[in-house]
């Protein structure tokens, strides 16, 4: 199975990059349940970036990870990139830098 580079933002920690199988199951494992797209891209972050969180995280009382205008994102989050045909592809170094810069995060060694 093809693998892709993603960035995981655990609650209370700086993000870390991981290589995972290009399938929905690893994404669900990272967020701890069914995935939901976070529909927000801060300035400077390419629109091809997709962030996923736990769809039922708020109902389950998961801890706040970070905030976006008008909402709190709870639980662990995984960032990926959407390819030209909508498929999941690896993040680029520029993507990772843009996400970290936008949120003021420092990438931790993984």
PDB file of N, CA and C in Angstrom:
ATOM      1  N   UNK A   1       0.836  -1.182   0.000  1.00  0.00           N
ATOM      2  CA  UNK A   1       0.000   0.000   0.000  1.00  0.00           C
ATOM      3  C   UNK A   1       0.880   1.245   0.000  1.00  0.00           C
ATOM      4  N   UNK A   2       0.476   2.240  -0.761  1.00  0.00           N
ATOM      5  CA  UNK A   2       1.198   3.509  -0.805  1.00  0.00           C
ATOM      6  C   UNK A   2       1.168   4.165   0.572  1.00  0.00           C
ATOM      7  N   UNK A   3       2.236   4.874   0.893  1.00  0.00           N
ATOM      8  CA  UNK A   3       2.306   5.609   2.148  1.00  0.00           C
ATOM      9  C   UNK A   3       2.427   7.101   1.869  1.00  0.00           C
ATOM     10  N   UNK A   4       1.975   7.905   2.834  1.00  0.00           N
ATOM     11  CA  UNK A   4       2.013   9.354   2.691  1.00  0.00           C
ATOM     12  C   UNK A   4       2.560   9.985   3.964  1.00  0.00           C
ATOM     13  N   UNK A   5       3.160  11.158   3.799  1.00  0.00           N
ATOM     14  CA  UNK A   5       3.664  11.937   4.927  1.00  0.00           C
ATOM     15  C   UNK A   5       2.549  12.845   5.419  1.00  0.00           C
ATOM     16  N   UNK A   6       2.217  12.726   6.710  1.00  0.00           N
ATOM     17  CA  UNK A   6       1.198  13.565   7.332  1.00  0.00           C
ATOM     18  C   UNK A   6       1.827  14.278   8.525  1.00  0.00           C
ATOM     19  N   UNK A   7       1.128  15.277   9.035  1.00  0.00           N
ATOM     20  CA  UNK A   7       1.562  15.939  10.255  1.00  0.00           C
ATOM     21  C   UNK A   7       0.478  15.735  11.298  1.00  0.00           C
ATOM     22  N   UNK A   8       0.874  15.247  12.458  1.00  0.00           N
ATOM     23  CA  UNK A   8      -0.052  14.990  13.551  1.00  0.00           C
ATOM     24  C   UNK A   8       0.154  16.055  14.620  1.00  0.00           C
ATOM     25  N   UNK A   9      -0.948  16.670  15.050  1.00  0.00           N
ATOM     26  CA  UNK A   9      -0.890  17.657  16.141  1.00  0.00           C
ATOM     27  C   UNK A   9      -1.609  17.060  17.347  1.00  0.00           C
ATOM     28  N   UNK A  10      -0.833  16.443  18.268  1.00  0.00           N
ATOM     29  CA  UNK A  10      -1.448  15.906  19.475  1.00  0.00           C
ATOM     30  C   UNK A  10      -1.863  17.040  20.423  1.00  0.00           C
ATOM     31  N   UNK A  11      -2.854  16.791  21.239  1.00  0.00           N
ATOM     32  CA  UNK A  11      -3.292  17.776  22.224  1.00  0.00           C
ATOM     33  C   UNK A  11      -2.138  18.088  23.178  1.00  0.00           C
ATOM     34  N   UNK A  12      -1.869  19.377  23.375  1.00  0.00           N
ATOM     35  CA  UNK A  12      -0.871  19.804  24.347  1.00  0.00           C
ATOM     36  C   UNK A  12       0.577  19.657  23.924  1.00  0.00           C
ATOM     37  N   UNK A  13       0.812  19.198  22.704  1.00  0.00           N
ATOM     38  CA  UNK A  13       2.183  19.002  22.220  1.00  0.00           C
ATOM     39  C   UNK A  13       2.368  19.690  20.876  1.00  0.00           C
ATOM     40  N   UNK A  14       3.619  19.890  20.505  1.00  0.00           N
ATOM     41  CA  UNK A  14       3.903  20.394  19.163  1.00  0.00           C
ATOM     42  C   UNK A  14       3.668  19.273  18.156  1.00  0.00           C
ATOM     43  N   UNK A  15       3.445  19.621  16.897  1.00  0.00           N
ATOM     44  CA  UNK A  15       3.181  18.601  15.881  1.00  0.00           C
ATOM     45  C   UNK A  15       4.410  17.755  15.559  1.00  0.00           C
ATOM     46  N   UNK A  16       4.127  16.583  15.002  1.00  0.00           N
ATOM     47  CA  UNK A  16       5.169  15.655  14.577  1.00  0.00           C
ATOM     48  C   UNK A  16       4.759  15.084  13.217  1.00  0.00           C
ATOM     49  N   UNK A  17       5.725  14.843  12.359  1.00  0.00           N
ATOM     50  CA  UNK A  17       5.441  14.241  11.049  1.00  0.00           C
ATOM     51  C   UNK A  17       5.538  12.726  11.165  1.00  0.00           C
ATOM     52  N   UNK A  18       4.648  12.054  10.432  1.00  0.00           N
ATOM     53  CA  UNK A  18       4.622  10.590  10.413  1.00  0.00           C
ATOM     54  C   UNK A  18       4.319  10.120   9.007  1.00  0.00           C
ATOM     55  N   UNK A  19       4.822   8.953   8.686  1.00  0.00           N
ATOM     56  CA  UNK A  19       4.476   8.294   7.429  1.00  0.00           C
ATOM     57  C   UNK A  19       3.450   7.218   7.769  1.00  0.00           C
ATOM     58  N   UNK A  20       2.301   7.267   7.071  1.00  0.00           N
ATOM     59  CA  UNK A  20       1.218   6.314   7.332  1.00  0.00           C
ATOM     60  C   UNK A  20       0.733   5.717   6.021  1.00  0.00           C
ATOM     61  N   UNK A  21       0.057   4.580   6.121  1.00  0.00           N
ATOM     62  CA  UNK A  21      -0.578   4.005   4.941  1.00  0.00           C
ATOM     63  C   UNK A  21      -1.633   4.972   4.421  1.00  0.00           C
ATOM     64  N   UNK A  22      -1.734   5.079   3.109  1.00  0.00           N
ATOM     65  CA  UNK A  22      -2.687   5.990   2.473  1.00  0.00           C
ATOM     66  C   UNK A  22      -4.069   5.343   2.465  1.00  0.00           C
ATOM     67  N   UNK A  23      -4.703   5.364   3.643  1.00  0.00           N
ATOM     68  CA  UNK A  23      -5.995   4.729   3.841  1.00  0.00           C
ATOM     69  C   UNK A  23      -6.709   5.464   4.973  1.00  0.00           C
ATOM     70  N   UNK A  24      -8.001   5.327   5.065  1.00  0.00           N
ATOM     71  CA  UNK A  24      -8.766   6.021   6.103  1.00  0.00           C
ATOM     72  C   UNK A  24      -8.476   5.479   7.504  1.00  0.00           C
ATOM     73  N   UNK A  25      -8.159   4.202   7.613  1.00  0.00           N
ATOM     74  CA  UNK A  25      -7.951   3.581   8.928  1.00  0.00           C
ATOM     75  C   UNK A  25      -6.851   4.258   9.751  1.00  0.00           C
ATOM     76  N   UNK A  26      -5.647   4.519   9.191  1.00  0.00           N
ATOM     77  CA  UNK A  26      -4.627   5.197   9.992  1.00  0.00           C
ATOM     78  C   UNK A  26      -5.061   6.593  10.448  1.00  0.00           C
ATOM     79  N   UNK A  27      -5.824   7.296   9.608  1.00  0.00           N
ATOM     80  CA  UNK A  27      -6.312   8.621   9.997  1.00  0.00           C
ATOM     81  C   UNK A  27      -7.279   8.501  11.171  1.00  0.00           C
ATOM     82  N   UNK A  28      -8.160   7.502  11.112  1.00  0.00           N
ATOM     83  CA  UNK A  28      -9.097   7.271  12.205  1.00  0.00           C
ATOM     84  C   UNK A  28      -8.363   6.885  13.486  1.00  0.00           C
ATOM     85  N   UNK A  29      -7.309   6.098  13.353  1.00  0.00           N
ATOM     86  CA  UNK A  29      -6.531   5.711  14.531  1.00  0.00           C
ATOM     87  C   UNK A  29      -5.874   6.928  15.170  1.00  0.00           C
ATOM     88  N   UNK A  30      -5.363   7.837  14.357  1.00  0.00           N
ATOM     89  CA  UNK A  30      -4.703   9.035  14.873  1.00  0.00           C
ATOM     90  C   UNK A  30      -5.678   9.903  15.654  1.00  0.00           C
ATOM     91  N   UNK A  31      -6.876  10.132  15.106  1.00  0.00           N
ATOM     92  CA  UNK A  31      -7.837  11.025  15.771  1.00  0.00           C
ATOM     93  C   UNK A  31      -8.707  10.291  16.790  1.00  0.00           C
ATOM     94  N   UNK A  32      -8.655   8.960  16.798  1.00  0.00           N
ATOM     95  CA  UNK A  32      -9.397   8.193  17.783  1.00  0.00           C
ATOM     96  C   UNK A  32     -10.866   7.993  17.470  1.00  0.00           C
ATOM     97  N   UNK A  33     -11.225   7.961  16.201  1.00  0.00           N
ATOM     98  CA  UNK A  33     -12.622   7.732  15.816  1.00  0.00           C
ATOM     99  C   UNK A  33     -12.852   8.114  14.373  1.00  0.00           C
ATOM    100  N   UNK A  34     -14.126   8.301  14.044  1.00  0.00           N
ATOM    101  CA  UNK A  34     -14.462   8.730  12.680  1.00  0.00           C
ATOM    102  C   UNK A  34     -13.879  10.108  12.426  1.00  0.00           C
ATOM    103  N   UNK A  35     -13.448  10.346  11.180  1.00  0.00           N
ATOM    104  CA  UNK A  35     -12.804  11.624  10.869  1.00  0.00           C
ATOM    105  C   UNK A  35     -13.808  12.648  10.353  1.00  0.00           C
ATOM    106  N   UNK A  36     -13.494  13.900  10.659  1.00  0.00           N
ATOM    107  CA  UNK A  36     -14.265  15.050  10.183  1.00  0.00           C
ATOM    108  C   UNK A  36     -13.274  16.070   9.638  1.00  0.00           C
ATOM    109  N   UNK A  37     -13.583  16.664   8.500  1.00  0.00           N
ATOM    110  CA  UNK A  37     -12.728  17.704   7.926  1.00  0.00           C
ATOM    111  C   UNK A  37     -12.906  18.992   8.713  1.00  0.00           C
ATOM    112  N   UNK A  38     -11.807  19.637   9.041  1.00  0.00           N
ATOM    113  CA  UNK A  38     -11.853  20.955   9.684  1.00  0.00           C
ATOM    114  C   UNK A  38     -11.867  21.984   8.560  1.00  0.00           C
ATOM    115  N   UNK A  39     -12.976  22.683   8.378  1.00  0.00           N
ATOM    116  CA  UNK A  39     -13.121  23.578   7.219  1.00  0.00           C
ATOM    117  C   UNK A  39     -12.536  24.969   7.455  1.00  0.00           C
ATOM    118  N   UNK A  40     -11.230  25.039   7.693  1.00  0.00           N
ATOM    119  CA  UNK A  40     -10.605  26.341   7.925  1.00  0.00           C
ATOM    120  C   UNK A  40      -9.139  26.296   7.496  1.00  0.00           C
ATOM    121  N   UNK A  41      -8.728  27.300   6.750  1.00  0.00           N
ATOM    122  CA  UNK A  41      -7.338  27.432   6.326  1.00  0.00           C
ATOM    123  C   UNK A  41      -6.861  28.809   6.717  1.00  0.00           C
ATOM    124  N   UNK A  42      -5.932  28.888   7.673  1.00  0.00           N
ATOM    125  CA  UNK A  42      -5.431  30.203   8.061  1.00  0.00           C
ATOM    126  C   UNK A  42      -4.668  30.854   6.918  1.00  0.00           C
ATOM    127  N   UNK A  43      -4.525  32.171   6.955  1.00  0.00           N
ATOM    128  CA  UNK A  43      -3.756  32.859   5.914  1.00  0.00           C
ATOM    129  C   UNK A  43      -2.365  32.245   5.771  1.00  0.00           C
ATOM    130  N   UNK A  44      -1.947  32.047   4.535  1.00  0.00           N
ATOM    131  CA  UNK A  44      -0.627  31.496   4.259  1.00  0.00           C
ATOM    132  C   UNK A  44      -0.593  29.989   4.131  1.00  0.00           C
ATOM    133  N   UNK A  45      -1.699  29.312   4.462  1.00  0.00           N
ATOM    134  CA  UNK A  45      -1.741  27.854   4.343  1.00  0.00           C
ATOM    135  C   UNK A  45      -2.459  27.503   3.044  1.00  0.00           C
ATOM    136  N   UNK A  46      -1.809  26.726   2.169  1.00  0.00           N
ATOM    137  CA  UNK A  46      -2.430  26.377   0.886  1.00  0.00           C
ATOM    138  C   UNK A  46      -3.779  25.682   1.057  1.00  0.00           C
ATOM    139  N   UNK A  47      -4.702  25.976   0.155  1.00  0.00           N
ATOM    140  CA  UNK A  47      -6.035  25.395   0.206  1.00  0.00           C
ATOM    141  C   UNK A  47      -6.070  23.897  -0.011  1.00  0.00           C
ATOM    142  N   UNK A  48      -4.979  23.324  -0.493  1.00  0.00           N
ATOM    143  CA  UNK A  48      -4.930  21.879  -0.715  1.00  0.00           C
ATOM    144  C   UNK A  48      -4.692  21.100   0.586  1.00  0.00           C
ATOM    145  N   UNK A  49      -4.378  21.813   1.651  1.00  0.00           N
ATOM    146  CA  UNK A  49      -4.151  21.176   2.947  1.00  0.00           C
ATOM    147  C   UNK A  49      -5.505  20.785   3.533  1.00  0.00           C
ATOM    148  N   UNK A  50      -5.566  19.578   4.085  1.00  0.00           N
ATOM    149  CA  UNK A  50      -6.786  19.112   4.731  1.00  0.00           C
ATOM    150  C   UNK A  50      -6.425  18.719   6.160  1.00  0.00           C
ATOM    151  N   UNK A  51      -7.231  19.176   7.101  1.00  0.00           N
ATOM    152  CA  UNK A  51      -7.051  18.806   8.503  1.00  0.00           C
ATOM    153  C   UNK A  51      -8.245  17.970   8.938  1.00  0.00           C
ATOM    154  N   UNK A  52      -7.962  16.888   9.652  1.00  0.00           N
ATOM    155  CA  UNK A  52      -9.012  16.003  10.148  1.00  0.00           C
ATOM    156  C   UNK A  52      -8.964  15.937  11.671  1.00  0.00           C
ATOM    157  N   UNK A  53     -10.151  15.899  12.273  1.00  0.00           N
ATOM    158  CA  UNK A  53     -10.265  15.688  13.710  1.00  0.00           C
ATOM    159  C   UNK A  53     -11.279  14.574  13.951  1.00  0.00           C
ATOM    160  N   UNK A  54     -11.507  14.258  15.219  1.00  0.00           N
ATOM    161  CA  UNK A  54     -12.480  13.243  15.598  1.00  0.00           C
ATOM    162  C   UNK A  54     -13.881  13.839  15.455  1.00  0.00           C
ATOM    163  N   UNK A  55     -14.703  13.203  14.644  1.00  0.00           N
ATOM    164  CA  UNK A  55     -16.044  13.694  14.351  1.00  0.00           C
ATOM    165  C   UNK A  55     -16.898  13.858  15.617  1.00  0.00           C
ATOM    166  N   UNK A  56     -16.691  13.013  16.594  1.00  0.00           N
ATOM    167  CA  UNK A  56     -17.501  13.054  17.809  1.00  0.00           C
ATOM    168  C   UNK A  56     -16.709  13.553  19.013  1.00  0.00           C
ATOM    169  N   UNK A  57     -15.572  14.208  18.743  1.00  0.00           N
ATOM    170  CA  UNK A  57     -14.683  14.646  19.809  1.00  0.00           C
ATOM    171  C   UNK A  57     -15.322  15.549  20.839  1.00  0.00           C
ATOM    172  N   UNK A  58     -16.143  16.492  20.410  1.00  0.00           N
ATOM    173  CA  UNK A  58     -16.784  17.399  21.367  1.00  0.00           C
ATOM    174  C   UNK A  58     -17.802  16.653  22.221  1.00  0.00           C
ATOM    175  N   UNK A  59     -18.550  15.740  21.612  1.00  0.00           N
ATOM    176  CA  UNK A  59     -19.531  14.951  22.362  1.00  0.00           C
ATOM    177  C   UNK A  59     -18.844  14.041  23.367  1.00  0.00           C
ATOM    178  N   UNK A  60     -17.638  13.594  23.022  1.00  0.00           N
ATOM    179  CA  UNK A  60     -16.882  12.709  23.903  1.00  0.00           C
ATOM    180  C   UNK A  60     -16.094  13.477  24.969  1.00  0.00           C
ATOM    181  N   UNK A  61     -16.130  14.806  24.891  1.00  0.00           N
ATOM    182  CA  UNK A  61     -15.446  15.634  25.882  1.00  0.00           C
ATOM    183  C   UNK A  61     -13.943  15.676  25.723  1.00  0.00           C
ATOM    184  N   UNK A  62     -13.450  15.513  24.476  1.00  0.00           N
ATOM    185  CA  UNK A  62     -12.007  15.567  24.254  1.00  0.00           C
ATOM    186  C   UNK A  62     -11.474  16.964  24.557  1.00  0.00           C
ATOM    187  N   UNK A  63     -10.227  17.036  24.935  1.00  0.00           N
ATOM    188  CA  UNK A  63      -9.559  18.278  25.308  1.00  0.00           C
ATOM    189  C   UNK A  63      -9.327  19.157  24.083  1.00  0.00           C
ATOM    190  N   UNK A  64      -9.433  20.479  24.290  1.00  0.00           N
ATOM    191  CA  UNK A  64      -9.163  21.427  23.210  1.00  0.00           C
ATOM    192  C   UNK A  64      -7.711  21.313  22.769  1.00  0.00           C
ATOM    193  N   UNK A  65      -7.514  21.245  21.455  1.00  0.00           N
ATOM    194  CA  UNK A  65      -6.176  21.186  20.872  1.00  0.00           C
ATOM    195  C   UNK A  65      -5.732  22.596  20.487  1.00  0.00           C
ATOM    196  N   UNK A  66      -6.567  23.283  19.709  1.00  0.00           N
ATOM    197  CA  UNK A  66      -6.305  24.667  19.322  1.00  0.00           C
ATOM    198  C   UNK A  66      -7.626  25.294  18.900  1.00  0.00           C
ATOM    199  N   UNK A  67      -7.611  26.601  18.700  1.00  0.00           N
ATOM    200  CA  UNK A  67      -8.837  27.297  18.308  1.00  0.00           C
ATOM    201  C   UNK A  67      -8.685  27.885  16.907  1.00  0.00           C
ATOM    202  N   UNK A  68      -9.815  28.010  16.253  1.00  0.00           N
ATOM    203  CA  UNK A  68      -9.916  28.716  14.981  1.00  0.00           C
ATOM    204  C   UNK A  68     -11.047  29.720  15.161  1.00  0.00           C
ATOM    205  N   UNK A  69     -11.169  30.701  14.293  1.00  0.00           N
ATOM    206  CA  UNK A  69     -12.233  31.681  14.477  1.00  0.00           C
ATOM    207  C   UNK A  69     -13.608  31.022  14.629  1.00  0.00           C
ATOM    208  N   UNK A  70     -14.223  31.243  15.784  1.00  0.00           N
ATOM    209  CA  UNK A  70     -15.562  30.742  16.035  1.00  0.00           C
ATOM    210  C   UNK A  70     -15.663  29.297  16.469  1.00  0.00           C
ATOM    211  N   UNK A  71     -14.534  28.617  16.733  1.00  0.00           N
ATOM    212  CA  UNK A  71     -14.627  27.207  17.086  1.00  0.00           C
ATOM    213  C   UNK A  71     -13.377  26.753  17.833  1.00  0.00           C
ATOM    214  N   UNK A  72     -13.553  25.682  18.599  1.00  0.00           N
ATOM    215  CA  UNK A  72     -12.444  24.999  19.254  1.00  0.00           C
ATOM    216  C   UNK A  72     -12.263  23.645  18.579  1.00  0.00           C
ATOM    217  N   UNK A  73     -11.034  23.300  18.275  1.00  0.00           N
ATOM    218  CA  UNK A  73     -10.723  21.994  17.695  1.00  0.00           C
ATOM    219  C   UNK A  73     -10.252  21.111  18.839  1.00  0.00           C
ATOM    220  N   UNK A  74     -10.912  19.957  19.003  1.00  0.00           N
ATOM    221  CA  UNK A  74     -10.601  19.082  20.131  1.00  0.00           C
ATOM    222  C   UNK A  74      -9.973  17.783  19.659  1.00  0.00           C
ATOM    223  N   UNK A  75      -9.192  17.188  20.542  1.00  0.00           N
ATOM    224  CA  UNK A  75      -8.547  15.916  20.236  1.00  0.00           C
ATOM    225  C   UNK A  75      -7.374  16.081  19.297  1.00  0.00           C
ATOM    226  N   UNK A  76      -6.733  14.972  19.006  1.00  0.00           N
ATOM    227  CA  UNK A  76      -5.594  14.984  18.090  1.00  0.00           C
ATOM    228  C   UNK A  76      -6.073  15.268  16.671  1.00  0.00           C
ATOM    229  N   UNK A  77      -5.231  15.959  15.911  1.00  0.00           N
ATOM    230  CA  UNK A  77      -5.563  16.381  14.544  1.00  0.00           C
ATOM    231  C   UNK A  77      -4.485  15.867  13.603  1.00  0.00           C
ATOM    232  N   UNK A  78      -4.884  15.496  12.391  1.00  0.00           N
ATOM    233  CA  UNK A  78      -3.925  15.072  11.372  1.00  0.00           C
ATOM    234  C   UNK A  78      -4.104  15.959  10.141  1.00  0.00           C
ATOM    235  N   UNK A  79      -2.986  16.447   9.612  1.00  0.00           N
ATOM    236  CA  UNK A  79      -2.969  17.283   8.415  1.00  0.00           C
ATOM    237  C   UNK A  79      -2.443  16.474   7.245  1.00  0.00           C
ATOM    238  N   UNK A  80      -3.130  16.551   6.116  1.00  0.00           N
ATOM    239  CA  UNK A  80      -2.715  15.892   4.884  1.00  0.00           C
ATOM    240  C   UNK A  80      -2.844  16.895   3.742  1.00  0.00           C
ATOM    241  N   UNK A  81      -2.595  16.436   2.543  1.00  0.00           N
ATOM    242  CA  UNK A  81      -2.740  17.260   1.354  1.00  0.00           C
ATOM    243  C   UNK A  81      -3.641  16.532   0.375  1.00  0.00           C
ATOM    244  N   UNK A  82      -4.439  17.292  -0.349  1.00  0.00           N
ATOM    245  CA  UNK A  82      -5.309  16.732  -1.375  1.00  0.00           C
ATOM    246  C   UNK A  82      -4.632  16.884  -2.732  1.00  0.00           C
ATOM    247  N   UNK A  83      -4.562  15.797  -3.489  1.00  0.00           N
ATOM    248  CA  UNK A  83      -3.974  15.828  -4.825  1.00  0.00           C
ATOM    249  C   UNK A  83      -4.950  16.390  -5.846  1.00  0.00           C
ATOM    250  N   UNK A  84      -4.508  16.442  -7.086  1.00  0.00           N
ATOM    251  CA  UNK A  84      -5.308  17.030  -8.162  1.00  0.00           C
ATOM    252  C   UNK A  84      -6.647  16.337  -8.361  1.00  0.00           C
ATOM    253  N   UNK A  85      -6.717  15.053  -8.051  1.00  0.00           N
ATOM    254  CA  UNK A  85      -7.953  14.300  -8.232  1.00  0.00           C
ATOM    255  C   UNK A  85      -8.668  14.043  -6.910  1.00  0.00           C
ATOM    256  N   UNK A  86      -8.298  14.785  -5.856  1.00  0.00           N
ATOM    257  CA  UNK A  86      -8.947  14.640  -4.568  1.00  0.00           C
ATOM    258  C   UNK A  86      -8.381  13.556  -3.679  1.00  0.00           C
ATOM    259  N   UNK A  87      -7.363  12.851  -4.149  1.00  0.00           N
ATOM    260  CA  UNK A  87      -6.754  11.786  -3.360  1.00  0.00           C
ATOM    261  C   UNK A  87      -5.814  12.382  -2.304  1.00  0.00           C
ATOM    262  N   UNK A  88      -5.548  11.619  -1.258  1.00  0.00           N
ATOM    263  CA  UNK A  88      -4.609  12.055  -0.235  1.00  0.00           C
ATOM    264  C   UNK A  88      -3.192  11.844  -0.740  1.00  0.00           C
ATOM    265  N   UNK A  89      -2.376  12.889  -0.625  1.00  0.00           N
ATOM    266  CA  UNK A  89      -0.964  12.812  -1.009  1.00  0.00           C
ATOM    267  C   UNK A  89      -0.125  13.379   0.139  1.00  0.00           C
ATOM    268  N   UNK A  90       1.172  13.166   0.071  1.00  0.00           N
ATOM    269  CA  UNK A  90       2.077  13.627   1.126  1.00  0.00           C
ATOM    270  C   UNK A  90       2.122  15.147   1.211  1.00  0.00           C
ATOM    271  N   UNK A  91       2.278  15.626   2.446  1.00  0.00           N
ATOM    272  CA  UNK A  91       2.553  17.037   2.656  1.00  0.00           C
ATOM    273  C   UNK A  91       3.942  17.347   2.112  1.00  0.00           C
ATOM    274  N   UNK A  92       4.136  18.565   1.681  1.00  0.00           N
ATOM    275  CA  UNK A  92       5.455  19.025   1.262  1.00  0.00           C
ATOM    276  C   UNK A  92       6.125  19.742   2.441  1.00  0.00           C
ATOM    277  N   UNK A  93       7.422  19.967   2.341  1.00  0.00           N
ATOM    278  CA  UNK A  93       8.120  20.732   3.375  1.00  0.00           C
ATOM    279  C   UNK A  93       7.512  22.124   3.504  1.00  0.00           C
ATOM    280  N   UNK A  94       7.142  22.740   2.375  1.00  0.00           N
ATOM    281  CA  UNK A  94       6.522  24.069   2.410  1.00  0.00           C
ATOM    282  C   UNK A  94       5.168  24.027   3.114  1.00  0.00           C
ATOM    283  N   UNK A  95       4.391  22.962   2.902  1.00  0.00           N
ATOM    284  CA  UNK A  95       3.104  22.813   3.591  1.00  0.00           C
ATOM    285  C   UNK A  95       3.309  22.778   5.100  1.00  0.00           C
ATOM    286  N   UNK A  96       4.247  21.964   5.536  1.00  0.00           N
ATOM    287  CA  UNK A  96       4.508  21.788   6.966  1.00  0.00           C
ATOM    288  C   UNK A  96       4.936  23.110   7.587  1.00  0.00           C
ATOM    289  N   UNK A  97       5.825  23.823   6.895  1.00  0.00           N
ATOM    290  CA  UNK A  97       6.277  25.125   7.394  1.00  0.00           C
ATOM    291  C   UNK A  97       5.114  26.106   7.460  1.00  0.00           C
ATOM    292  N   UNK A  98       4.267  26.134   6.435  1.00  0.00           N
ATOM    293  CA  UNK A  98       3.135  27.068   6.408  1.00  0.00           C
ATOM    294  C   UNK A  98       2.169  26.800   7.564  1.00  0.00           C
ATOM    295  N   UNK A  99       1.877  25.528   7.830  1.00  0.00           N
ATOM    296  CA  UNK A  99       0.968  25.188   8.924  1.00  0.00           C
ATOM    297  C   UNK A  99       1.582  25.607  10.263  1.00  0.00           C
ATOM    298  N   UNK A 100       2.834  25.234  10.484  1.00  0.00           N
ATOM    299  CA  UNK A 100       3.496  25.587  11.742  1.00  0.00           C
ATOM    300  C   UNK A 100       3.587  27.099  11.926  1.00  0.00           C
ATOM    301  N   UNK A 101       3.933  27.818  10.877  1.00  0.00           N
ATOM    302  CA  UNK A 101       4.019  29.277  10.957  1.00  0.00           C
ATOM    303  C   UNK A 101       2.663  29.896  11.265  1.00  0.00           C
ATOM    304  N   UNK A 102       1.608  29.389  10.636  1.00  0.00           N
ATOM    305  CA  UNK A 102       0.263  29.961  10.804  1.00  0.00           C
ATOM    306  C   UNK A 102      -0.221  29.826  12.246  1.00  0.00           C
ATOM    307  N   UNK A 103       0.121  28.732  12.894  1.00  0.00           N
ATOM    308  CA  UNK A 103      -0.366  28.482  14.250  1.00  0.00           C
ATOM    309  C   UNK A 103       0.690  28.751  15.339  1.00  0.00           C
ATOM    310  N   UNK A 104       1.907  29.095  14.927  1.00  0.00           N
ATOM    311  CA  UNK A 104       2.962  29.345  15.909  1.00  0.00           C
ATOM    312  C   UNK A 104       3.466  28.078  16.572  1.00  0.00           C
ATOM    313  N   UNK A 105       3.404  26.974  15.839  1.00  0.00           N
ATOM    314  CA  UNK A 105       3.871  25.695  16.366  1.00  0.00           C
ATOM    315  C   UNK A 105       5.310  25.430  15.945  1.00  0.00           C
ATOM    316  N   UNK A 106       5.988  24.615  16.727  1.00  0.00           N
ATOM    317  CA  UNK A 106       7.334  24.168  16.397  1.00  0.00           C
ATOM    318  C   UNK A 106       7.265  22.673  16.173  1.00  0.00           C
ATOM    319  N   UNK A 107       7.753  22.233  15.041  1.00  0.00           N
ATOM    320  CA  UNK A 107       7.738  20.806  14.715  1.00  0.00           C
ATOM    321  C   UNK A 107       8.672  20.067  15.648  1.00  0.00           C
ATOM    322  N   UNK A 108       8.180  18.998  16.276  1.00  0.00           N
ATOM    323  CA  UNK A 108       9.039  18.196  17.151  1.00  0.00           C
ATOM    324  C   UNK A 108       9.613  17.025  16.373  1.00  0.00           C
ATOM    325  N   UNK A 109      10.753  16.573  16.799  1.00  0.00           N
ATOM    326  CA  UNK A 109      11.380  15.420  16.146  1.00  0.00           C
ATOM    327  C   UNK A 109      10.493  14.213  16.358  1.00  0.00           C
ATOM    328  N   UNK A 110      10.322  13.428  15.308  1.00  0.00           N
ATOM    329  CA  UNK A 110       9.415  12.302  15.433  1.00  0.00           C
ATOM    330  C   UNK A 110      10.099  11.039  15.144  1.00  0.00           C
TER     331      UNK A 110
END
